[in-house]
């Protein structure tokens, strides 16, 4: 029983340190489950009861508090520069051809390497394209269809 106390206490400390470092509500639920298991250990319950309680309490905390936390605590997420590019219509400045590994487009005055989502699709300079995702430092685009 003495070893179990140190294991639960160690896990509690690890989960709390990770939570403090990440500040993203990543392990707080497991810390709650660990605290309950530690209390049961001190009360003399067997190891299986402690483990099952840890799992159940962690799951319940995660299930019922994560949606609230995501809605109210992490609600001030601002898009970074590259996330704001997704969905924009851009002008192709160099022929986009995945097979030849060529292509460029200008977004907000900056030139980006561009590739099409569909390998066979070719876009020519002057064409308009919509940014659908970003892969590394490349815009993944598709031909823009007006209307």
Protein backbone atom coordinates (compact mmCIF):
# COMPACT_ATOMS: atom_id res chain seq x y z
CA UNK A 1 0.00 0.00 0.00
CA UNK A 2 2.88 2.36 0.73
CA UNK A 3 4.21 2.01 -2.85
CA UNK A 4 0.75 2.74 -4.26
CA UNK A 5 0.58 6.04 -2.38
CA UNK A 6 3.86 7.16 -3.94
CA UNK A 7 2.76 6.04 -7.40
CA UNK A 8 -0.54 7.98 -7.20
CA UNK A 9 1.19 10.99 -5.67
CA UNK A 10 3.85 10.88 -8.41
CA UNK A 11 1.22 10.64 -11.13
CA UNK A 12 -0.69 13.55 -9.60
CA UNK A 13 2.45 15.69 -9.60
CA UNK A 14 3.30 14.72 -13.21
CA UNK A 15 -0.23 15.51 -14.44
CA UNK A 16 -0.23 18.86 -12.64
CA UNK A 17 3.20 19.80 -13.98
CA UNK A 18 2.12 18.93 -17.53
CA UNK A 19 -1.03 21.01 -17.03
CA UNK A 20 0.96 23.98 -15.77
CA UNK A 21 3.42 23.76 -18.67
CA UNK A 22 0.83 23.37 -21.42
CA UNK A 23 -1.90 25.65 -20.02
CA UNK A 24 -4.32 24.00 -22.41
CA UNK A 25 -6.44 21.78 -20.18
CA UNK A 26 -4.71 18.63 -21.36
CA UNK A 27 -4.22 16.54 -18.21
CA UNK A 28 -6.38 18.20 -15.57
CA UNK A 29 -8.98 15.44 -15.88
CA UNK A 30 -6.42 12.73 -15.18
CA UNK A 31 -5.17 14.75 -12.21
CA UNK A 32 -8.71 14.69 -10.81
CA UNK A 33 -8.93 10.93 -11.30
CA UNK A 34 -5.52 10.48 -9.70
CA UNK A 35 -6.57 12.52 -6.68
CA UNK A 36 -9.62 10.29 -6.15
CA UNK A 37 -7.46 7.17 -6.51
CA UNK A 38 -4.96 8.59 -4.01
CA UNK A 39 -7.75 9.26 -1.49
CA UNK A 40 -9.07 5.70 -1.94
CA UNK A 41 -5.53 4.37 -1.48
CA UNK A 42 -5.19 6.29 1.79
CA UNK A 43 -8.60 4.95 2.87
CA UNK A 44 -7.34 1.38 2.37
CA UNK A 45 -9.18 0.35 -0.81
CA UNK A 46 -7.50 -2.28 -2.99
CA UNK A 47 -5.49 -1.46 -6.12
CA UNK A 48 -8.20 -2.52 -8.60
CA UNK A 49 -10.74 -0.25 -6.94
CA UNK A 50 -8.23 2.61 -7.17
CA UNK A 51 -7.49 1.99 -10.85
CA UNK A 52 -11.16 1.66 -11.80
CA UNK A 53 -12.00 4.83 -9.85
CA UNK A 54 -9.14 6.67 -11.58
CA UNK A 55 -10.46 5.65 -15.01
CA UNK A 56 -14.12 6.40 -14.24
CA UNK A 57 -13.49 9.79 -12.59
CA UNK A 58 -11.07 10.86 -15.35
CA UNK A 59 -13.57 9.86 -18.04
CA UNK A 60 -16.51 11.58 -16.32
CA UNK A 61 -14.52 14.78 -15.79
CA UNK A 62 -13.40 14.72 -19.40
CA UNK A 63 -16.87 14.01 -20.72
CA UNK A 64 -18.71 16.69 -18.76
CA UNK A 65 -16.18 19.50 -18.38
CA UNK A 66 -14.23 19.50 -21.66
CA UNK A 67 -17.08 20.96 -23.76
CA UNK A 68 -17.49 23.76 -21.21
CA UNK A 69 -13.74 24.37 -21.13
CA UNK A 70 -13.45 24.47 -24.91
CA UNK A 71 -16.38 26.85 -25.20
CA UNK A 72 -15.49 29.35 -22.49
CA UNK A 73 -11.82 28.99 -21.67
CA UNK A 74 -10.21 28.43 -25.07
CA UNK A 75 -12.70 30.56 -27.01
CA UNK A 76 -10.26 33.37 -27.76
CA UNK A 77 -8.26 31.42 -30.33
CA UNK A 78 -7.18 33.79 -33.05
CA UNK A 79 -6.27 32.59 -36.48
CA UNK A 80 -2.64 32.87 -37.42
CA UNK A 81 -1.56 34.44 -40.68
CA UNK A 82 -1.56 31.21 -42.62
CA UNK A 83 -4.99 30.12 -41.31
CA UNK A 84 -6.49 33.37 -42.64
CA UNK A 85 -5.34 32.46 -46.15
CA UNK A 86 -7.53 29.35 -46.33
CA UNK A 87 -10.66 30.11 -48.33
CA UNK A 88 -9.20 33.17 -50.07
CA UNK A 89 -9.28 33.59 -53.81
CA UNK A 90 -5.79 34.15 -55.18
CA UNK A 91 -4.29 35.02 -58.55
CA UNK A 92 -1.93 32.51 -60.10
CA UNK A 93 1.40 34.11 -61.09
CA UNK A 94 3.29 31.05 -62.40
CA UNK A 95 1.84 27.96 -64.10
CA UNK A 96 0.69 25.46 -61.47
CA UNK A 97 1.53 21.94 -62.56
CA UNK A 98 2.06 19.28 -59.89
CA UNK A 99 3.86 16.91 -62.27
CA UNK A 100 6.40 19.59 -63.23
CA UNK A 101 6.49 20.85 -59.62
CA UNK A 102 5.86 24.43 -60.67
CA UNK A 103 3.45 27.08 -59.58
CA UNK A 104 3.07 30.25 -57.56
CA UNK A 105 0.32 32.55 -56.37
CA UNK A 106 0.24 35.91 -54.61
CA UNK A 107 -1.61 36.26 -51.31
CA UNK A 108 -1.67 39.58 -49.44
CA UNK A 109 1.31 40.77 -51.49
CA UNK A 110 3.41 37.68 -50.74
CA UNK A 111 4.27 35.03 -53.28
CA UNK A 112 3.64 31.43 -52.22
CA UNK A 113 4.46 28.15 -53.89
CA UNK A 114 1.18 26.68 -55.16
CA UNK A 115 0.02 23.18 -56.02
CA UNK A 116 -3.39 21.91 -57.08
CA UNK A 117 -5.33 19.39 -55.03
CA UNK A 118 -5.92 17.27 -58.15
CA UNK A 119 -2.62 16.23 -59.73
CA UNK A 120 -3.88 16.46 -63.32
CA UNK A 121 -5.28 19.98 -62.94
CA UNK A 122 -3.17 22.78 -64.43
CA UNK A 123 -3.67 26.47 -63.67
CA UNK A 124 -2.13 29.19 -65.82
CA UNK A 125 -0.88 32.66 -64.89
CA UNK A 126 -3.82 35.02 -64.44
CA UNK A 127 -6.23 32.24 -63.42
CA UNK A 128 -8.08 32.63 -60.13
CA UNK A 129 -7.85 29.83 -57.59
CA UNK A 130 -9.27 29.21 -54.14
CA UNK A 131 -6.93 28.17 -51.32
CA UNK A 132 -8.35 25.00 -49.76
CA UNK A 133 -5.47 24.10 -47.45
CA UNK A 134 -1.83 24.71 -46.69
CA UNK A 135 0.75 21.93 -46.73
CA UNK A 136 4.03 23.06 -45.23
CA UNK A 137 4.84 26.25 -47.13
CA UNK A 138 2.68 25.43 -50.15
CA UNK A 139 -0.80 26.62 -50.95
CA UNK A 140 -3.08 23.81 -52.07
CA UNK A 141 -5.53 25.37 -54.49
CA UNK A 142 -8.37 24.52 -56.80
CA UNK A 143 -9.67 26.46 -59.80
CA UNK A 144 -12.03 29.17 -58.65
CA UNK A 145 -15.53 28.90 -60.07
CA UNK A 146 -17.43 32.18 -59.84
CA UNK A 147 -21.05 32.07 -58.78
